[in-house]
Amino acid sequence: MDEQRGPAGIPVPDSRLAAEATELVRDTTSDLIYDHSRRVFFFGCLLGRARQVSHDPELLYVAALFHDVGLGEPYRTSGRRFEVDSADEARRFLQARGVPDDSVRRVWTAIALHTAPGIPQYMEPEVALVTAGVEYDVLGFGFDEIAAADREAVVALHPRPAFKQSILRAFADGVEDRPETTFGNVKADVLAHYDPHFRRGDFVRTILESPWPE
């Protein structure tokens, strides 16, 4: 696999697969999502380095790039979680290029579980590092695990102007037409913040009001 050097000396896949993934995501998402997705890759790699987690950089790259494409307008009326739409889009992309099934599965899982805290870190490295990269860029988890100079090099390449408010707005826009998909996951917090009419699903009430007599 061909590589080039990115910020902090991170090897960036330069294969045809990676180039086509970059072109597709660059052309179909906003600057906000593209820059965030690339940062997720770089931060995931840096955290992998810090935690001594070896991984397949090409699979991590593709998973990071595709992880939020399901927030886009074409998917907003799918009725499914945006993570699943993102994962399915990545799977279609990889299968069309003859990528082995196990690699496709890893990418799909990494994307589908990237908003499921407490699970991905126990799975394959690519799954763990996509979530780690997302949590670093969005939530600042493990902030001091990456040296300031390396962090600044990534942000210099992919800036984050007004990122906190912008990504929250993108999350809200991506799920507002499918609020039922936020049941039991972190995007319910987003809709509760932006939509005064939103009512969270209640797990206890769902059990008590189920059709079972007891």
C-alpha atoms as a PDB file:
ATOM      1  CA  MET A   1       0.000   0.000   0.000  1.00  0.00           C
ATOM      2  CA  ASP A   2       1.343   3.424  -0.968  1.00  0.00           C
ATOM      3  CA  GLU A   3       1.667   6.069   1.721  1.00  0.00           C
ATOM      4  CA  GLN A   4       2.419   9.730   2.098  1.00  0.00           C
ATOM      5  CA  ARG A   5       3.299  11.642   5.238  1.00  0.00           C
ATOM      6  CA  GLY A   6       0.686  13.787   6.950  1.00  0.00           C
ATOM      7  CA  PRO A   7       0.880  16.014  10.012  1.00  0.00           C
ATOM      8  CA  ALA A   8       2.973  14.702  12.910  1.00  0.00           C
ATOM      9  CA  GLY A   9       4.575  12.256  10.473  1.00  0.00           C
ATOM     10  CA  ILE A  10       1.416  10.132  10.249  1.00  0.00           C
ATOM     11  CA  PRO A  11       1.468   7.756   7.266  1.00  0.00           C
ATOM     12  CA  VAL A  12      -1.577   8.550   5.122  1.00  0.00           C
ATOM     13  CA  PRO A  13      -2.793   5.872   2.696  1.00  0.00           C
ATOM     14  CA  ASP A  14      -2.200   6.909  -0.910  1.00  0.00           C
ATOM     15  CA  SER A  15      -3.746   3.900  -2.622  1.00  0.00           C
ATOM     16  CA  ARG A  16      -6.365   4.106  -5.338  1.00  0.00           C
ATOM     17  CA  LEU A  17      -8.973   3.022  -2.790  1.00  0.00           C
ATOM     18  CA  ALA A  18      -8.037   5.829  -0.401  1.00  0.00           C
ATOM     19  CA  ALA A  19      -7.919   8.383  -3.223  1.00  0.00           C
ATOM     20  CA  GLU A  20     -11.375   7.398  -4.458  1.00  0.00           C
ATOM     21  CA  ALA A  21     -12.772   7.517  -0.923  1.00  0.00           C
ATOM     22  CA  THR A  22     -11.294  10.968  -0.433  1.00  0.00           C
ATOM     23  CA  GLU A  23     -12.738  12.235  -3.711  1.00  0.00           C
ATOM     24  CA  LEU A  24     -16.193  10.826  -3.018  1.00  0.00           C
ATOM     25  CA  VAL A  25     -16.468  12.192   0.522  1.00  0.00           C
ATOM     26  CA  ARG A  26     -14.890  15.517  -0.439  1.00  0.00           C
ATOM     27  CA  ASP A  27     -17.427  15.971  -3.245  1.00  0.00           C
ATOM     28  CA  THR A  28     -20.524  14.906  -1.300  1.00  0.00           C
ATOM     29  CA  THR A  29     -20.083  16.430   2.158  1.00  0.00           C
ATOM     30  CA  SER A  30     -19.535  19.889   3.582  1.00  0.00           C
ATOM     31  CA  ASP A  31     -16.147  21.305   4.529  1.00  0.00           C
ATOM     32  CA  LEU A  32     -17.229  20.829   8.147  1.00  0.00           C
ATOM     33  CA  ILE A  33     -17.777  17.074   7.792  1.00  0.00           C
ATOM     34  CA  TYR A  34     -14.796  16.486   5.504  1.00  0.00           C
ATOM     35  CA  ASP A  35     -12.334  18.291   7.765  1.00  0.00           C
ATOM     36  CA  HIS A  36     -13.782  16.628  10.856  1.00  0.00           C
ATOM     37  CA  SER A  37     -13.528  13.191   9.245  1.00  0.00           C
ATOM     38  CA  ARG A  38      -9.917  13.706   8.244  1.00  0.00           C
ATOM     39  CA  ARG A  39      -9.087  14.898  11.762  1.00  0.00           C
ATOM     40  CA  VAL A  40     -10.735  11.771  13.140  1.00  0.00           C
ATOM     41  CA  PHE A  41      -8.295   9.704  11.074  1.00  0.00           C
ATOM     42  CA  PHE A  42      -5.260  11.672  12.203  1.00  0.00           C
ATOM     43  CA  PHE A  43      -6.296  11.765  15.847  1.00  0.00           C
ATOM     44  CA  GLY A  44      -7.182   8.067  15.738  1.00  0.00           C
ATOM     45  CA  CYS A  45      -3.692   7.319  14.389  1.00  0.00           C
ATOM     46  CA  LEU A  46      -2.014   9.492  17.022  1.00  0.00           C
ATOM     47  CA  LEU A  47      -4.001   7.845  19.794  1.00  0.00           C
ATOM     48  CA  GLY A  48      -3.139   4.450  18.347  1.00  0.00           C
ATOM     49  CA  ARG A  49       0.512   5.448  18.457  1.00  0.00           C
ATOM     50  CA  ALA A  50       0.213   6.670  22.052  1.00  0.00           C
ATOM     51  CA  ARG A  51      -1.650   3.531  23.135  1.00  0.00           C
ATOM     52  CA  GLN A  52       0.535   1.169  21.071  1.00  0.00           C
ATOM     53  CA  VAL A  53      -2.422  -0.098  19.057  1.00  0.00           C
ATOM     54  CA  SER A  54      -1.444  -1.368  15.615  1.00  0.00           C
ATOM     55  CA  HIS A  55      -4.065  -1.086  12.897  1.00  0.00           C
ATOM     56  CA  ASP A  56      -4.711  -1.133   9.171  1.00  0.00           C
ATOM     57  CA  PRO A  57      -4.353   2.535   8.178  1.00  0.00           C
ATOM     58  CA  GLU A  58      -6.329   2.138   4.957  1.00  0.00           C
ATOM     59  CA  LEU A  59      -9.351   0.666   6.745  1.00  0.00           C
ATOM     60  CA  LEU A  60      -9.126   3.291   9.470  1.00  0.00           C
ATOM     61  CA  TYR A  61      -8.913   6.014   6.830  1.00  0.00           C
ATOM     62  CA  VAL A  62     -11.982   4.856   4.913  1.00  0.00           C
ATOM     63  CA  ALA A  63     -13.999   4.350   8.108  1.00  0.00           C
ATOM     64  CA  ALA A  64     -13.065   7.806   9.390  1.00  0.00           C
ATOM     65  CA  LEU A  65     -13.959   9.440   6.078  1.00  0.00           C
ATOM     66  CA  PHE A  66     -17.377   7.793   5.811  1.00  0.00           C
ATOM     67  CA  HIS A  67     -18.410   7.879   9.478  1.00  0.00           C
ATOM     68  CA  ASP A  68     -20.684  10.929   9.191  1.00  0.00           C
ATOM     69  CA  VAL A  69     -21.875  10.823   5.579  1.00  0.00           C
ATOM     70  CA  GLY A  70     -25.266   9.567   6.780  1.00  0.00           C
ATOM     71  CA  LEU A  71     -25.952  13.003   8.256  1.00  0.00           C
ATOM     72  CA  GLY A  72     -26.293  14.339   4.719  1.00  0.00           C
ATOM     73  CA  GLU A  73     -29.575  15.402   3.182  1.00  0.00           C
ATOM     74  CA  PRO A  74     -30.043  12.331   0.942  1.00  0.00           C
ATOM     75  CA  TYR A  75     -30.308  10.103   4.031  1.00  0.00           C
ATOM     76  CA  ARG A  76     -32.430  12.229   6.336  1.00  0.00           C
ATOM     77  CA  THR A  77     -35.719  10.514   5.547  1.00  0.00           C
ATOM     78  CA  SER A  78     -34.329   6.981   5.612  1.00  0.00           C
ATOM     79  CA  GLY A  79     -35.874   6.254   9.002  1.00  0.00           C
ATOM     80  CA  ARG A  80     -32.624   4.639  10.116  1.00  0.00           C
ATOM     81  CA  ARG A  81     -29.852   5.778  12.411  1.00  0.00           C
ATOM     82  CA  PHE A  82     -27.407   7.982  10.547  1.00  0.00           C
ATOM     83  CA  GLU A  83     -24.568   5.720  11.713  1.00  0.00           C
ATOM     84  CA  VAL A  84     -26.146   2.812   9.811  1.00  0.00           C
ATOM     85  CA  ASP A  85     -26.642   4.924   6.696  1.00  0.00           C
ATOM     86  CA  SER A  86     -22.984   5.966   6.912  1.00  0.00           C
ATOM     87  CA  ALA A  87     -21.827   2.387   7.444  1.00  0.00           C
ATOM     88  CA  ASP A  88     -23.927   1.059   4.570  1.00  0.00           C
ATOM     89  CA  GLU A  89     -22.560   3.716   2.220  1.00  0.00           C
ATOM     90  CA  ALA A  90     -19.011   2.699   3.135  1.00  0.00           C
ATOM     91  CA  ARG A  91     -19.894  -0.966   2.626  1.00  0.00           C
ATOM     92  CA  ARG A  92     -21.281  -0.274  -0.851  1.00  0.00           C
ATOM     93  CA  PHE A  93     -18.137   1.672  -1.703  1.00  0.00           C
ATOM     94  CA  LEU A  94     -15.802  -1.107  -0.534  1.00  0.00           C
ATOM     95  CA  GLN A  95     -17.761  -4.016  -2.006  1.00  0.00           C
ATOM     96  CA  ALA A  96     -17.854  -2.303  -5.398  1.00  0.00           C
ATOM     97  CA  ARG A  97     -14.050  -2.331  -5.328  1.00  0.00           C
ATOM     98  CA  GLY A  98     -13.653  -5.963  -4.318  1.00  0.00           C
ATOM     99  CA  VAL A  99     -12.453  -5.383  -0.764  1.00  0.00           C
ATOM    100  CA  PRO A 100     -12.460  -8.621   1.308  1.00  0.00           C
ATOM    101  CA  ASP A 101     -15.519  -9.282   3.453  1.00  0.00           C
ATOM    102  CA  ASP A 102     -13.678  -9.138   6.771  1.00  0.00           C
ATOM    103  CA  SER A 103     -12.262  -5.714   5.958  1.00  0.00           C
ATOM    104  CA  VAL A 104     -15.700  -4.498   4.907  1.00  0.00           C
ATOM    105  CA  ARG A 105     -17.124  -5.794   8.178  1.00  0.00           C
ATOM    106  CA  ARG A 106     -14.500  -3.940  10.213  1.00  0.00           C
ATOM    107  CA  VAL A 107     -15.227  -0.663   8.475  1.00  0.00           C
ATOM    108  CA  TRP A 108     -18.992  -1.128   8.791  1.00  0.00           C
ATOM    109  CA  THR A 109     -18.699  -1.912  12.500  1.00  0.00           C
ATOM    110  CA  ALA A 110     -16.330   0.979  13.174  1.00  0.00           C
ATOM    111  CA  ILE A 111     -18.798   3.428  11.675  1.00  0.00           C
ATOM    112  CA  ALA A 112     -21.971   1.896  13.097  1.00  0.00           C
ATOM    113  CA  LEU A 113     -20.608   1.895  16.656  1.00  0.00           C
ATOM    114  CA  HIS A 114     -18.803   5.237  16.725  1.00  0.00           C
ATOM    115  CA  THR A 115     -21.504   6.787  18.943  1.00  0.00           C
ATOM    116  CA  ALA A 116     -21.713   3.795  21.291  1.00  0.00           C
ATOM    117  CA  PRO A 117     -19.318   4.645  24.133  1.00  0.00           C
ATOM    118  CA  GLY A 118     -17.879   1.847  26.202  1.00  0.00           C
ATOM    119  CA  ILE A 119     -17.989  -0.822  23.484  1.00  0.00           C
ATOM    120  CA  PRO A 120     -15.620  -0.057  20.569  1.00  0.00           C
ATOM    121  CA  GLN A 121     -12.433  -0.016  22.661  1.00  0.00           C
ATOM    122  CA  TYR A 122     -12.861  -3.773  23.207  1.00  0.00           C
ATOM    123  CA  MET A 123     -13.148  -4.562  19.504  1.00  0.00           C
ATOM    124  CA  GLU A 124     -10.788  -4.588  16.520  1.00  0.00           C
ATOM    125  CA  PRO A 125      -8.225  -1.754  16.400  1.00  0.00           C
ATOM    126  CA  GLU A 126      -9.930   0.055  13.524  1.00  0.00           C
ATOM    127  CA  VAL A 127     -13.233   0.010  15.405  1.00  0.00           C
ATOM    128  CA  ALA A 128     -11.603   1.268  18.571  1.00  0.00           C
ATOM    129  CA  LEU A 129      -9.602   4.011  16.878  1.00  0.00           C
ATOM    130  CA  VAL A 130     -12.440   5.505  14.847  1.00  0.00           C
ATOM    131  CA  THR A 131     -14.385   6.023  18.059  1.00  0.00           C
ATOM    132  CA  ALA A 132     -11.270   7.290  19.830  1.00  0.00           C
ATOM    133  CA  GLY A 133     -10.699   9.809  17.041  1.00  0.00           C
ATOM    134  CA  VAL A 134     -14.323  10.950  17.119  1.00  0.00           C
ATOM    135  CA  GLU A 135     -14.301  11.307  20.893  1.00  0.00           C
ATOM    136  CA  TYR A 136     -11.060  13.260  20.724  1.00  0.00           C
ATOM    137  CA  ASP A 137     -12.228  15.712  18.055  1.00  0.00           C
ATOM    138  CA  VAL A 138     -15.782  16.204  19.296  1.00  0.00           C
ATOM    139  CA  LEU A 139     -15.537  15.674  23.058  1.00  0.00           C
ATOM    140  CA  GLY A 140     -11.874  16.224  23.842  1.00  0.00           C
ATOM    141  CA  PHE A 141     -11.552  12.818  25.524  1.00  0.00           C
ATOM    142  CA  GLY A 142      -7.909  11.935  26.152  1.00  0.00           C
ATOM    143  CA  PHE A 143      -6.908  15.468  25.139  1.00  0.00           C
ATOM    144  CA  ASP A 144      -3.460  15.357  26.718  1.00  0.00           C
ATOM    145  CA  GLU A 145      -2.577  11.994  25.179  1.00  0.00           C
ATOM    146  CA  ILE A 146      -1.613  13.850  22.004  1.00  0.00           C
ATOM    147  CA  ALA A 147       1.219  16.376  22.150  1.00  0.00           C
ATOM    148  CA  ALA A 148       0.142  19.975  21.578  1.00  0.00           C
ATOM    149  CA  ALA A 149       2.443  20.328  18.550  1.00  0.00           C
ATOM    150  CA  ASP A 150       0.918  17.248  16.884  1.00  0.00           C
ATOM    151  CA  ARG A 151      -2.610  18.405  17.657  1.00  0.00           C
ATOM    152  CA  GLU A 152      -1.880  21.844  16.233  1.00  0.00           C
ATOM    153  CA  ALA A 153      -0.380  20.325  13.078  1.00  0.00           C
ATOM    154  CA  VAL A 154      -3.593  18.391  12.424  1.00  0.00           C
ATOM    155  CA  VAL A 155      -5.775  21.448  13.020  1.00  0.00           C
ATOM    156  CA  ALA A 156      -3.566  23.585  10.801  1.00  0.00           C
ATOM    157  CA  LEU A 157      -4.244  21.162   7.934  1.00  0.00           C
ATOM    158  CA  HIS A 158      -7.949  20.774   8.745  1.00  0.00           C
ATOM    159  CA  PRO A 159      -9.139  23.827  10.717  1.00  0.00           C
ATOM    160  CA  ARG A 160     -12.106  23.800  13.078  1.00  0.00           C
ATOM    161  CA  PRO A 161     -13.684  27.285  12.892  1.00  0.00           C
ATOM    162  CA  ALA A 162     -16.645  27.522  15.308  1.00  0.00           C
ATOM    163  CA  PHE A 163     -16.568  23.747  15.328  1.00  0.00           C
ATOM    164  CA  LYS A 164     -18.529  23.095  18.519  1.00  0.00           C
ATOM    165  CA  GLN A 165     -21.640  24.960  17.410  1.00  0.00           C
ATOM    166  CA  SER A 166     -21.285  23.910  13.773  1.00  0.00           C
ATOM    167  CA  ILE A 167     -21.038  20.182  14.457  1.00  0.00           C
ATOM    168  CA  LEU A 168     -23.938  20.303  16.895  1.00  0.00           C
ATOM    169  CA  ARG A 169     -26.056  22.014  14.247  1.00  0.00           C
ATOM    170  CA  ALA A 170     -25.014  19.378  11.689  1.00  0.00           C
ATOM    171  CA  PHE A 171     -26.006  16.615  14.113  1.00  0.00           C
ATOM    172  CA  ALA A 172     -29.385  18.253  14.708  1.00  0.00           C
ATOM    173  CA  ASP A 173     -30.042  18.758  10.989  1.00  0.00           C
ATOM    174  CA  GLY A 174     -29.063  15.160  10.303  1.00  0.00           C
ATOM    175  CA  VAL A 175     -31.524  13.591  12.736  1.00  0.00           C
ATOM    176  CA  GLU A 176     -34.396  16.070  13.104  1.00  0.00           C
ATOM    177  CA  ASP A 177     -36.488  14.249  10.477  1.00  0.00           C
ATOM    178  CA  ARG A 178     -35.943  10.879  12.180  1.00  0.00           C
ATOM    179  CA  PRO A 179     -36.152  11.651  15.904  1.00  0.00           C
ATOM    180  CA  GLU A 180     -37.152   8.085  16.740  1.00  0.00           C
ATOM    181  CA  THR A 181     -33.626   6.982  15.802  1.00  0.00           C
ATOM    182  CA  THR A 182     -32.181   8.907  18.763  1.00  0.00           C
ATOM    183  CA  PHE A 183     -33.816   6.606  21.308  1.00  0.00           C
ATOM    184  CA  GLY A 184     -31.135   5.382  23.686  1.00  0.00           C
ATOM    185  CA  ASN A 185     -28.234   7.252  22.082  1.00  0.00           C
ATOM    186  CA  VAL A 186     -26.380  10.533  22.413  1.00  0.00           C
ATOM    187  CA  LYS A 187     -28.199  12.323  19.584  1.00  0.00           C
ATOM    188  CA  ALA A 188     -31.256  12.615  21.835  1.00  0.00           C
ATOM    189  CA  ASP A 189     -29.261  15.216  23.765  1.00  0.00           C
ATOM    190  CA  VAL A 190     -28.772  17.186  20.551  1.00  0.00           C
ATOM    191  CA  LEU A 191     -32.459  17.260  19.636  1.00  0.00           C
ATOM    192  CA  ALA A 192     -33.419  18.121  23.219  1.00  0.00           C
ATOM    193  CA  HIS A 193     -31.117  21.142  22.941  1.00  0.00           C
ATOM    194  CA  TYR A 194     -32.336  22.393  19.554  1.00  0.00           C
ATOM    195  CA  ASP A 195     -35.979  21.312  19.282  1.00  0.00           C
ATOM    196  CA  PRO A 196     -38.372  22.491  22.026  1.00  0.00           C
ATOM    197  CA  HIS A 197     -40.998  20.018  20.787  1.00  0.00           C
ATOM    198  CA  PHE A 198     -38.768  16.962  20.975  1.00  0.00           C
ATOM    199  CA  ARG A 199     -39.687  14.348  23.582  1.00  0.00           C
ATOM    200  CA  ARG A 200     -37.142  11.713  24.484  1.00  0.00           C
ATOM    201  CA  GLY A 201     -37.998   8.050  24.318  1.00  0.00           C
ATOM    202  CA  ASP A 202     -38.233   6.593  27.801  1.00  0.00           C
ATOM    203  CA  PHE A 203     -36.876   3.063  28.215  1.00  0.00           C
ATOM    204  CA  VAL A 204     -38.717   2.448  31.498  1.00  0.00           C
ATOM    205  CA  ARG A 205     -42.028   3.662  30.062  1.00  0.00           C
ATOM    206  CA  THR A 206     -41.501   1.549  26.961  1.00  0.00           C
ATOM    207  CA  ILE A 207     -41.181  -1.540  29.157  1.00  0.00           C
ATOM    208  CA  LEU A 208     -44.136  -0.680  31.412  1.00  0.00           C
ATOM    209  CA  GLU A 209     -46.403   0.177  28.470  1.00  0.00           C
ATOM    210  CA  SER A 210     -45.474  -2.841  26.347  1.00  0.00           C
ATOM    211  CA  PRO A 211     -48.317  -5.192  25.307  1.00  0.00           C
ATOM    212  CA  TRP A 212     -47.128  -7.851  27.770  1.00  0.00           C
ATOM    213  CA  PRO A 213     -49.535  -8.222  30.692  1.00  0.00           C
ATOM    214  CA  GLU A 214     -46.627  -8.819  33.117  1.00  0.00           C
END
